[in-house]
Amino acid sequence: MKNLYLLICLFITVGVHAQEQEILSALDSKADFYGSIAMQIWSNPELGYLEIESSALLQKTLTDAGFTVKAGVADIPTAFVAEYGSGKPIIAILAEFDALPGVSQKAVPFKDPVVEGGPGHACGHHLFGAASVAAGITTKEWLESSGTQGTIRVYGTPAEEGGAGKVYMAKAGLLDDVDAVLHWHPSSQNDASATSSLANKSAKFRFYGEASHAAMSPERGRSALDGVESMNYMVNMMREHVPQETRIHYVITSGGEAPNVVPAFAEVFYYVRNPDVANVKSIFERVVKAAEGAAMGTNTEMKYEVIHGLYNLLPNETLGKIMYKNLEKVGGVEYDSEERKFAEEIMKTYSVKASVEDAAKINPFKVVEKGTGGSTDVGDVSWLVPTAGMSSATWVPGTSAHTWQAVAAGGTGIGQKGMMVAAKTLTLTAIDIFNDPEVTGKALAELNERRGEDFSYEALTGDREPPLDYRKN
């Protein structure tokens, strides 16, 4: 009897392995197809909430594959939800596609913008969207062929870079019935750890004064720029008196037009980050008080507009371990000779110590409760639905996000190979969840434990509408 049991287990194992290899082979056969989609988006970088062509391309790809697509959801023209199947569980895969301003770059290992000062995919969201669509379609084909019950959704989520698209989609209830969310992000390494991030709240502070001739009648002027500079001075002094993990960044987006005209208008754009949402809220209010004080002291008027607010990522070890297991199966990124040469050349442009071979390595799994580094609007999603994420080496090892080096690698075979690592890992993870009805229950129990019994979601954006024009100025 024991031998019979072992034989059955062996048959099951061999069958599962063969199925996985068939799925991976199917994705390999369509690598050029999905790569061409990514490159179309890379070649036409569109900023947050303005991703008209990028969103349309991904929607068409999903529609052509048999998904039902709802466009313009959550009052966002470029947001969409694509769905196939019926019943539970409902698994969502997130897809991003917005670019960043000012980082235009050709696919070469030296700085050479396509358009000086133009936008570029320095965070690799062209790859993000294409890989997520690939995973969604491949999972749909598996559901269809296997006859498995369940629903696969691909969420087209605009404006991750400072626009908080997912927050507005969450507030619209688009994730209320979802059982598990999967996502990924381009990177210089392969990782599927269950980690947190920094919560983040941003606003544009606008000061209004009185214009006058700066030499002939300065006494009649009230400088809006003085208001901005006074605010910045006070916030910079505040840095000594905030938790050490806090990050506060600002740029002066409008400071006047001519030195001999007292500026009647000036604007500064602030980000406040911390691992804890409550800290972000309190520190942001102190920044607002600094702005109010600056306006009072300079006899100007101040108004501010919250642009986005994000929760920190809430790790989910239950789903994370499944994601990690599948990333190990898929493996990292192997360079050919041309890609290796490209990588070696681009690594000369920064001082971070790294090895070309690191692109093939998989980082060990770990759980990181306290966030460091950046922020993402996936954070809000992770407090509402059990969520797992990963990264793959779409950039040369040692590359930082939001750089021309990231744009360059993302436009080559290096980026596309990393994209396919993500597509394969997401697909296998979705299938594992569909195949194990107990997983979503365990993941939800973990989520409830982490967020606490008294948790009630309140978006940091308040009741404002999506800032659809935040990139137009």
Protein backbone atom coordinates (compact mmCIF):
# COMPACT_ATOMS: atom_id res chain seq x y z
CA MET A 1 0.00 0.00 0.00
CA LYS A 2 2.85 2.33 0.86
CA ASN A 3 4.49 1.69 -2.50
CA LEU A 4 1.21 2.42 -4.28
CA TYR A 5 0.93 5.73 -2.41
CA LEU A 6 4.48 6.68 -3.36
CA LEU A 7 3.80 5.74 -6.98
CA ILE A 8 0.67 7.93 -7.05
CA CYS A 9 2.63 10.84 -5.55
CA LEU A 10 5.32 10.36 -8.18
CA PHE A 11 2.76 10.42 -11.00
CA ILE A 12 1.23 13.59 -9.57
CA THR A 13 4.64 15.25 -9.22
CA VAL A 14 5.65 14.32 -12.76
CA GLY A 15 2.29 15.55 -14.06
CA VAL A 16 2.56 18.90 -12.28
CA HIS A 17 6.13 19.36 -13.49
CA ALA A 18 5.15 18.58 -17.07
CA GLN A 19 2.26 21.06 -16.84
CA GLU A 20 4.56 23.76 -15.52
CA GLN A 21 7.06 23.16 -18.30
CA GLU A 22 4.27 23.39 -20.85
CA ILE A 23 3.18 26.74 -19.40
CA LEU A 24 6.73 28.09 -19.36
CA SER A 25 7.30 26.94 -22.93
CA ALA A 26 4.09 28.64 -24.01
CA LEU A 27 5.33 31.91 -22.53
CA ASP A 28 8.74 31.48 -24.15
CA SER A 29 7.05 31.04 -27.53
CA LYS A 30 5.33 34.42 -27.09
CA ALA A 31 8.30 36.32 -25.64
CA ASP A 32 8.78 38.32 -28.84
CA PHE A 33 5.07 39.17 -28.96
CA TYR A 34 5.00 40.53 -25.42
CA GLY A 35 8.40 42.12 -25.92
CA SER A 36 7.04 44.08 -28.88
CA ILE A 37 4.16 45.35 -26.71
CA ALA A 38 6.62 46.51 -24.06
CA MET A 39 8.77 48.23 -26.67
CA GLN A 40 5.80 50.07 -28.16
CA ILE A 41 5.11 51.52 -24.72
CA TRP A 42 8.83 52.21 -24.12
CA SER A 43 9.05 54.07 -27.44
CA ASN A 44 6.04 56.23 -26.56
CA PRO A 45 6.47 57.07 -22.85
CA GLU A 46 3.31 58.61 -21.42
CA LEU A 47 3.06 60.31 -18.05
CA GLY A 48 0.59 59.49 -15.28
CA TYR A 49 -3.10 59.71 -16.21
CA LEU A 50 -2.06 60.59 -19.76
CA GLU A 51 -1.24 57.00 -20.85
CA ILE A 52 -3.88 56.93 -23.57
CA GLU A 53 -2.05 54.79 -26.15
CA SER A 54 -0.29 52.56 -23.61
CA SER A 55 -3.55 51.71 -21.86
CA ALA A 56 -5.36 51.16 -25.15
CA LEU A 57 -2.66 48.76 -26.36
CA LEU A 58 -2.86 46.61 -23.23
CA GLN A 59 -6.66 46.65 -23.32
CA LYS A 60 -6.70 45.52 -26.95
CA THR A 61 -4.24 42.72 -26.20
CA LEU A 62 -6.48 41.44 -23.42
CA THR A 63 -9.67 41.83 -25.46
CA ASP A 64 -8.13 39.93 -28.34
CA ALA A 65 -7.25 37.14 -25.89
CA GLY A 66 -10.85 36.74 -24.75
CA PHE A 67 -11.06 39.01 -21.70
CA THR A 68 -13.99 41.28 -20.98
CA VAL A 69 -12.57 44.75 -20.46
CA LYS A 70 -14.15 47.64 -18.58
CA ALA A 71 -12.37 50.88 -19.41
CA GLY A 72 -12.38 54.25 -17.67
CA VAL A 73 -13.11 52.78 -14.24
CA ALA A 74 -12.90 54.86 -11.03
CA ASP A 75 -13.41 58.01 -13.12
CA ILE A 76 -9.92 57.55 -14.60
CA PRO A 77 -9.84 57.47 -18.42
CA THR A 78 -6.77 55.20 -18.62
CA ALA A 79 -7.73 52.76 -15.84
CA PHE A 80 -9.31 49.43 -16.71
CA VAL A 81 -10.29 46.02 -15.36
CA ALA A 82 -10.04 42.96 -17.62
CA GLU A 83 -11.75 39.76 -16.51
CA TYR A 84 -12.08 36.13 -17.54
CA GLY A 85 -13.82 33.23 -15.79
CA SER A 86 -16.42 33.03 -13.06
CA GLY A 87 -16.72 32.28 -9.38
CA LYS A 88 -14.13 32.09 -6.65
CA PRO A 89 -11.31 32.48 -6.09
CA ILE A 90 -10.79 35.85 -7.79
CA ILE A 91 -7.12 36.56 -8.43
CA ALA A 92 -5.97 39.99 -9.57
CA ILE A 93 -2.75 40.85 -11.36
CA LEU A 94 -1.74 44.51 -11.35
CA ALA A 95 -0.38 46.21 -14.47
CA GLU A 96 1.33 49.61 -14.54
CA PHE A 97 2.34 51.62 -17.61
CA ASP A 98 3.16 55.26 -16.74
CA ALA A 99 6.51 56.90 -17.45
CA LEU A 100 8.54 59.54 -15.60
CA PRO A 101 9.31 63.10 -16.72
CA GLY A 102 12.80 64.28 -17.67
CA VAL A 103 14.54 60.91 -18.15
CA SER A 104 14.39 60.34 -21.89
CA GLN A 105 17.12 57.93 -23.01
CA LYS A 106 18.08 55.73 -25.96
CA ALA A 107 18.86 52.03 -25.49
CA VAL A 108 22.61 52.64 -25.33
CA PRO A 109 25.10 52.28 -22.43
CA PHE A 110 25.91 56.00 -22.29
CA LYS A 111 23.73 59.00 -21.59
CA ASP A 112 21.95 59.99 -24.79
CA PRO A 113 18.35 61.22 -24.54
CA VAL A 114 15.85 60.64 -27.32
CA VAL A 115 14.31 64.02 -26.53
CA GLU A 116 16.19 66.36 -24.20
CA GLY A 117 14.10 66.73 -21.05
CA GLY A 118 11.46 64.33 -22.36
CA PRO A 119 9.80 61.47 -20.47
CA GLY A 120 11.14 57.94 -20.22
CA HIS A 121 10.44 54.59 -18.59
CA ALA A 122 12.98 54.93 -15.80
CA CYS A 123 10.93 52.65 -13.53
CA GLY A 124 10.27 50.03 -16.18
CA HIS A 125 6.49 50.23 -16.20
CA HIS A 126 6.41 49.38 -19.90
CA LEU A 127 7.73 45.98 -18.86
CA PHE A 128 5.45 45.86 -15.83
CA GLY A 129 2.29 46.24 -17.90
CA ALA A 130 3.35 43.83 -20.62
CA ALA A 131 4.43 41.06 -18.21
CA SER A 132 1.25 41.33 -16.16
CA VAL A 133 -0.86 41.09 -19.29
CA ALA A 134 1.18 38.07 -20.41
CA ALA A 135 0.61 36.39 -17.04
CA GLY A 136 -3.09 37.18 -17.10
CA ILE A 137 -3.56 35.75 -20.58
CA THR A 138 -1.53 32.61 -19.86
CA THR A 139 -3.47 32.01 -16.64
CA LYS A 140 -6.72 32.49 -18.57
CA GLU A 141 -5.62 29.89 -21.13
CA TRP A 142 -4.83 27.47 -18.29
CA LEU A 143 -8.23 28.04 -16.65
CA GLU A 144 -9.87 27.39 -20.00
CA SER A 145 -7.94 24.23 -20.83
CA SER A 146 -8.07 22.74 -17.33
CA GLY A 147 -11.70 23.55 -16.66
CA THR A 148 -10.75 25.03 -13.29
CA GLN A 149 -13.29 27.31 -11.67
CA GLY A 150 -12.24 30.82 -10.77
CA THR A 151 -11.75 34.32 -12.09
CA ILE A 152 -8.58 35.99 -13.31
CA ARG A 153 -8.45 39.77 -13.54
CA VAL A 154 -5.85 42.18 -14.87
CA TYR A 155 -6.09 45.67 -13.39
CA GLY A 156 -4.72 48.46 -15.57
CA THR A 157 -3.49 50.90 -12.93
CA PRO A 158 -2.35 54.34 -14.15
CA ALA A 159 -0.18 56.98 -12.53
CA GLU A 160 1.72 54.95 -9.95
CA GLU A 161 4.44 57.61 -10.07
CA GLY A 162 2.91 60.15 -7.73
CA GLY A 163 -0.68 59.91 -8.96
CA ALA A 164 -1.92 57.07 -6.70
CA GLY A 165 -4.08 55.45 -9.37
CA LYS A 166 -4.64 52.28 -7.35
CA VAL A 167 -5.87 54.28 -4.36
CA TYR A 168 -8.77 55.68 -6.37
CA MET A 169 -9.50 52.24 -7.82
CA ALA A 170 -9.55 50.81 -4.29
CA LYS A 171 -11.81 53.64 -3.06
CA ALA A 172 -14.17 52.84 -5.93
CA GLY A 173 -14.60 49.31 -4.57
CA LEU A 174 -12.98 47.60 -7.54
CA LEU A 175 -11.03 45.23 -5.27
CA ASP A 176 -13.76 44.44 -2.75
CA ASP A 177 -14.39 40.88 -3.97
CA VAL A 178 -10.80 39.94 -4.80
CA ASP A 179 -9.17 37.06 -2.89
CA ALA A 180 -5.50 37.59 -3.79
CA VAL A 181 -3.46 40.25 -5.59
CA LEU A 182 -0.20 39.61 -7.42
CA HIS A 183 2.19 42.27 -8.67
CA TRP A 184 5.82 42.74 -9.61
CA HIS A 185 8.30 45.51 -10.32
CA PRO A 186 11.33 45.95 -12.54
CA SER A 187 14.61 45.98 -10.65
CA SER A 188 18.31 45.21 -10.81
CA GLN A 189 17.79 41.94 -8.92
CA ASN A 190 15.43 39.00 -8.55
CA ASP A 191 13.53 38.90 -5.29
CA ALA A 192 10.19 37.67 -3.98
CA SER A 193 10.49 38.51 -0.29
CA ALA A 194 7.48 39.65 1.70
CA THR A 195 8.56 43.21 2.37
CA SER A 196 7.07 46.53 3.36
CA SER A 197 7.63 50.02 1.94
CA LEU A 198 7.30 53.64 3.04
CA ALA A 199 3.91 55.28 3.42
CA ASN A 200 3.84 58.58 1.54
CA LYS A 201 1.75 61.73 1.26
CA SER A 202 2.34 64.58 -1.16
CA ALA A 203 0.92 68.02 -1.85
CA LYS A 204 1.54 71.11 -3.93
CA PHE A 205 1.75 74.24 -1.77
CA ARG A 206 0.81 77.37 -3.71
CA PHE A 207 1.64 80.86 -2.49
CA TYR A 208 -0.05 84.01 -3.79
CA GLY A 209 1.46 87.46 -3.36
CA GLU A 210 1.52 90.84 -5.10
CA ALA A 211 3.67 91.61 -8.14
CA SER A 212 5.62 94.83 -8.41
CA HIS A 213 8.81 96.24 -9.91
CA ALA A 214 11.59 94.76 -7.80
CA ALA A 215 13.79 97.88 -8.07
CA MET A 216 11.39 100.83 -8.41
CA SER A 217 8.64 99.75 -5.98
CA PRO A 218 9.65 96.67 -4.01
CA GLU A 219 7.72 97.88 -0.98
CA ARG A 220 4.49 97.37 -2.91
CA GLY A 221 5.27 93.74 -3.64
CA ARG A 222 4.59 90.62 -1.59
CA SER A 223 6.81 87.81 -2.83
CA ALA A 224 5.15 84.44 -3.21
CA LEU A 225 8.65 83.03 -3.60
CA ASP A 226 9.52 84.36 -0.16
CA GLY A 227 6.62 82.28 1.11
CA VAL A 228 7.98 79.15 -0.54
CA GLU A 229 11.52 79.76 0.67
CA SER A 230 10.34 80.49 4.23
CA MET A 231 8.35 77.28 4.23
CA ASN A 232 11.33 75.30 2.95
CA TYR A 233 13.57 76.81 5.62
CA MET A 234 11.20 75.81 8.41
CA VAL A 235 10.70 72.29 7.05
CA ASN A 236 14.44 71.82 6.72
CA MET A 237 14.84 72.77 10.41
CA MET A 238 12.10 70.27 11.23
CA ARG A 239 14.19 67.38 9.88
CA GLU A 240 16.05 67.20 13.21
CA HIS A 241 12.78 66.58 15.03
CA VAL A 242 11.12 63.78 13.10
CA PRO A 243 11.64 59.98 13.34
CA GLN A 244 14.92 59.09 11.69
CA GLU A 245 13.29 56.88 9.03
CA THR A 246 11.37 59.89 7.69
CA ARG A 247 12.06 61.19 4.21
CA ILE A 248 10.95 64.67 3.13
CA HIS A 249 11.56 65.80 -0.45
CA TYR A 250 10.55 68.94 -2.32
CA VAL A 251 11.02 70.73 -5.62
CA ILE A 252 10.12 74.33 -6.41
CA THR A 253 7.87 73.92 -9.42
CA SER A 254 7.28 77.64 -9.94
CA GLY A 255 9.45 80.40 -8.52
CA GLY A 256 8.77 83.45 -10.62
CA GLU A 257 9.57 84.52 -14.14
CA ALA A 258 12.05 87.40 -13.91
CA PRO A 259 14.35 88.72 -11.13
CA ASN A 260 13.07 92.27 -11.56
CA VAL A 261 9.44 91.25 -10.96
CA VAL A 262 8.35 90.36 -7.43
CA PRO A 263 6.74 86.92 -7.94
CA ALA A 264 2.97 86.96 -7.47
CA PHE A 265 2.83 83.17 -7.58
CA ALA A 266 5.14 80.38 -6.46
CA GLU A 267 4.65 76.68 -5.88
CA VAL A 268 6.55 73.92 -4.09
CA PHE A 269 5.78 70.19 -4.37
CA TYR A 270 6.40 68.10 -1.22
CA TYR A 271 6.60 64.38 -0.42
CA VAL A 272 6.52 63.09 3.18
CA ARG A 273 7.48 59.44 3.79
CA ASN A 274 7.75 57.16 6.81
CA PRO A 275 7.31 53.41 7.42
CA ASP A 276 4.15 54.10 9.45
CA VAL A 277 0.95 55.67 8.08
CA ALA A 278 0.18 57.44 11.37
CA ASN A 279 3.61 59.12 11.35
CA VAL A 280 3.11 60.30 7.79
CA LYS A 281 -0.20 61.88 8.75
CA SER A 282 1.25 63.76 11.74
CA ILE A 283 4.43 64.88 9.96
CA PHE A 284 2.43 66.07 6.96
CA GLU A 285 0.29 68.23 9.27
CA ARG A 286 3.48 69.81 10.64
CA VAL A 287 4.55 70.59 7.08
CA VAL A 288 1.17 72.26 6.52
CA LYS A 289 1.69 74.38 9.65
CA ALA A 290 5.08 75.44 8.32
CA ALA A 291 3.38 76.56 5.11
CA GLU A 292 0.74 78.46 7.05
CA GLY A 293 3.39 80.15 9.14
CA ALA A 294 5.38 81.06 6.04
CA ALA A 295 2.34 82.68 4.48
CA MET A 296 1.64 84.64 7.65
CA GLY A 297 5.23 85.83 7.95
CA THR A 298 5.50 86.95 4.32
CA ASN A 299 2.02 88.46 4.12
CA THR A 300 1.04 86.09 1.32
CA GLU A 301 -1.82 83.66 0.87
CA MET A 302 -1.26 79.89 0.81
CA LYS A 303 -3.42 77.08 -0.51
CA TYR A 304 -2.39 73.45 -0.83
CA GLU A 305 -3.64 70.50 -2.86
CA VAL A 306 -3.03 66.92 -1.77
CA ILE A 307 -1.80 65.06 -4.86
CA HIS A 308 -1.42 61.55 -3.53
CA GLY A 309 -1.24 59.50 -0.36
CA LEU A 310 -0.10 55.89 -0.03
CA TYR A 311 -0.06 53.28 2.71
CA ASN A 312 3.04 51.20 3.33
CA LEU A 313 3.04 47.70 1.86
CA LEU A 314 1.68 45.06 4.21
CA PRO A 315 3.70 41.84 3.80
CA ASN A 316 1.87 38.56 3.28
CA GLU A 317 4.15 35.63 4.03
CA THR A 318 1.57 33.03 2.97
CA LEU A 319 1.43 34.29 -0.61
CA GLY A 320 5.04 35.47 -0.61
CA LYS A 321 6.42 31.97 -0.06
CA ILE A 322 4.42 30.69 -3.03
CA MET A 323 5.76 33.51 -5.18
CA TYR A 324 9.31 32.81 -4.02
CA LYS A 325 9.04 29.07 -4.73
CA ASN A 326 8.00 29.84 -8.30
CA LEU A 327 10.70 32.46 -8.83
CA GLU A 328 13.25 29.84 -7.83
CA LYS A 329 11.77 27.47 -10.42
CA VAL A 330 11.89 30.10 -13.16
CA GLY A 331 15.38 31.34 -12.34
CA GLY A 332 17.04 34.67 -12.97
CA VAL A 333 18.26 36.45 -16.11
CA GLU A 334 21.03 34.96 -18.22
CA TYR A 335 22.88 37.36 -20.55
CA ASP A 336 24.13 36.54 -24.00
CA SER A 337 27.49 37.99 -25.14
CA GLU A 338 26.03 41.26 -26.46
CA GLU A 339 23.96 41.82 -23.34
CA ARG A 340 26.97 41.11 -21.16
CA LYS A 341 29.00 43.68 -23.07
CA PHE A 342 26.18 46.23 -22.70
CA ALA A 343 25.99 45.51 -18.97
CA GLU A 344 29.73 45.88 -18.47
CA GLU A 345 29.71 49.22 -20.29
CA ILE A 346 26.77 50.64 -18.35
CA MET A 347 28.24 49.52 -15.03
CA LYS A 348 31.16 51.87 -15.68
CA THR A 349 28.76 54.81 -15.39
CA TYR A 350 28.01 54.35 -11.68
CA SER A 351 30.10 53.59 -8.59
CA VAL A 352 27.95 50.86 -7.01
CA LYS A 353 29.83 47.59 -6.74
CA ALA A 354 27.98 44.79 -8.49
CA SER A 355 28.63 41.79 -10.72
CA VAL A 356 27.07 40.95 -14.07
CA GLU A 357 26.43 37.46 -12.69
CA ASP A 358 24.09 38.91 -10.08
CA ALA A 359 21.34 39.12 -12.71
CA ALA A 360 21.02 35.32 -12.62
CA LYS A 361 20.82 35.05 -8.82
CA ILE A 362 17.68 34.79 -6.69
CA ASN A 363 17.81 36.64 -3.38
CA PRO A 364 16.92 34.54 -0.30
CA PHE A 365 13.35 34.87 0.96
CA LYS A 366 12.82 37.11 3.97
CA VAL A 367 10.00 38.94 5.71
CA VAL A 368 10.61 42.67 6.24
CA GLU A 369 8.01 44.28 8.47
CA LYS A 370 9.39 47.82 8.47
CA GLY A 371 9.57 49.63 5.15
CA THR A 372 12.62 51.27 3.63
CA GLY A 373 13.37 52.78 0.23
CA GLY A 374 10.48 53.86 -1.94
CA SER A 375 6.70 53.93 -1.89
CA THR A 376 3.98 52.43 -4.05
CA ASP A 377 0.22 52.68 -4.34
CA VAL A 378 0.17 48.87 -4.11
CA GLY A 379 0.45 49.65 -0.40
CA ASP A 380 -3.22 50.57 -0.11
CA VAL A 381 -4.20 47.44 -2.02
CA SER A 382 -2.17 45.27 0.37
CA TRP A 383 -4.14 46.53 3.38
CA LEU A 384 -7.41 45.53 1.70
CA VAL A 385 -6.54 42.23 -0.04
CA PRO A 386 -3.78 39.65 0.62
CA THR A 387 -1.00 40.74 -1.72
CA ALA A 388 2.32 39.29 -2.91
CA GLY A 389 4.96 40.89 -5.10
CA MET A 390 8.31 40.24 -6.66
CA SER A 391 11.04 41.94 -8.66
CA SER A 392 13.14 40.69 -11.53
CA ALA A 393 16.43 41.86 -13.02
CA THR A 394 15.23 44.00 -15.91
CA TRP A 395 18.12 46.39 -15.28
CA VAL A 396 21.86 45.81 -15.09
CA PRO A 397 22.94 44.86 -11.53
CA GLY A 398 23.66 47.94 -9.45
CA THR A 399 21.34 50.19 -11.44
CA SER A 400 19.13 52.57 -9.50
CA ALA A 401 15.52 53.18 -10.45
CA HIS A 402 14.57 56.54 -11.98
CA THR A 403 17.86 56.85 -13.89
CA TRP A 404 18.81 56.95 -17.55
CA GLN A 405 20.60 53.63 -17.01
CA ALA A 406 17.26 52.01 -16.09
CA VAL A 407 15.61 53.46 -19.20
CA ALA A 408 18.45 52.21 -21.39
CA ALA A 409 18.42 48.60 -20.14
CA GLY A 410 14.63 48.55 -20.24
CA GLY A 411 14.79 49.14 -23.96
CA THR A 412 17.01 46.11 -24.63
CA GLY A 413 16.81 42.33 -24.45
CA ILE A 414 17.97 42.59 -20.82
CA GLY A 415 14.71 44.28 -19.89
CA GLN A 416 12.62 41.87 -21.91
CA LYS A 417 14.29 38.80 -20.37
CA GLY A 418 13.56 40.14 -16.89
CA MET A 419 10.00 40.84 -17.96
CA MET A 420 9.50 37.21 -18.95
CA VAL A 421 10.91 36.02 -15.60
CA ALA A 422 8.15 38.06 -13.97
CA ALA A 423 5.45 36.84 -16.37
CA LYS A 424 6.35 33.20 -15.70
CA THR A 425 6.52 33.64 -11.93
CA LEU A 426 3.19 35.46 -11.75
CA THR A 427 1.52 32.80 -13.91
CA LEU A 428 2.75 29.86 -11.86
CA THR A 429 1.81 31.64 -8.64
CA ALA A 430 -1.73 32.35 -9.85
CA ILE A 431 -2.16 28.71 -10.89
CA ASP A 432 -0.90 27.47 -7.51
CA ILE A 433 -3.50 29.62 -5.75
CA PHE A 434 -6.27 28.37 -8.02
CA ASN A 435 -5.18 24.79 -7.32
CA ASP A 436 -5.20 25.14 -3.53
CA PRO A 437 -8.54 26.35 -2.14
CA GLU A 438 -7.08 26.78 1.35
CA VAL A 439 -4.44 29.34 0.37
CA THR A 440 -6.68 32.39 0.13
CA GLY A 441 -8.22 31.67 3.53
CA LYS A 442 -4.78 31.42 5.15
CA ALA A 443 -3.62 34.59 3.39
CA LEU A 444 -6.70 36.47 4.59
CA ALA A 445 -6.20 35.29 8.15
CA GLU A 446 -2.63 36.60 8.03
CA LEU A 447 -3.83 39.92 6.62
CA ASN A 448 -6.38 40.30 9.41
CA GLU A 449 -3.75 39.56 12.02
CA ARG A 450 -1.29 42.08 10.60
CA ARG A 451 -3.71 44.97 10.16
CA GLY A 452 -5.59 44.35 13.43
CA GLU A 453 -9.22 43.80 14.30
CA ASP A 454 -10.03 47.51 14.52
CA PHE A 455 -8.61 48.43 11.11
CA SER A 456 -10.77 50.69 9.00
CA TYR A 457 -9.42 51.90 5.68
CA GLU A 458 -9.18 55.65 5.27
CA ALA A 459 -7.29 56.79 2.19
CA LEU A 460 -4.60 59.43 2.75
CA THR A 461 -5.94 61.26 -0.30
CA GLY A 462 -9.11 62.14 1.59
CA ASP A 463 -12.17 62.79 -0.52
CA ARG A 464 -10.40 64.40 -3.46
CA GLU A 465 -10.95 63.17 -7.02
CA PRO A 466 -8.11 61.60 -9.07
CA PRO A 467 -5.60 64.37 -9.96
CA LEU A 468 -5.88 63.75 -13.69
CA ASP A 469 -3.88 66.88 -14.57
CA TYR A 470 -1.01 66.51 -12.09
CA ARG A 471 1.49 65.83 -14.90
CA LYS A 472 0.17 68.45 -17.31
CA ASN A 473 1.93 71.42 -15.69
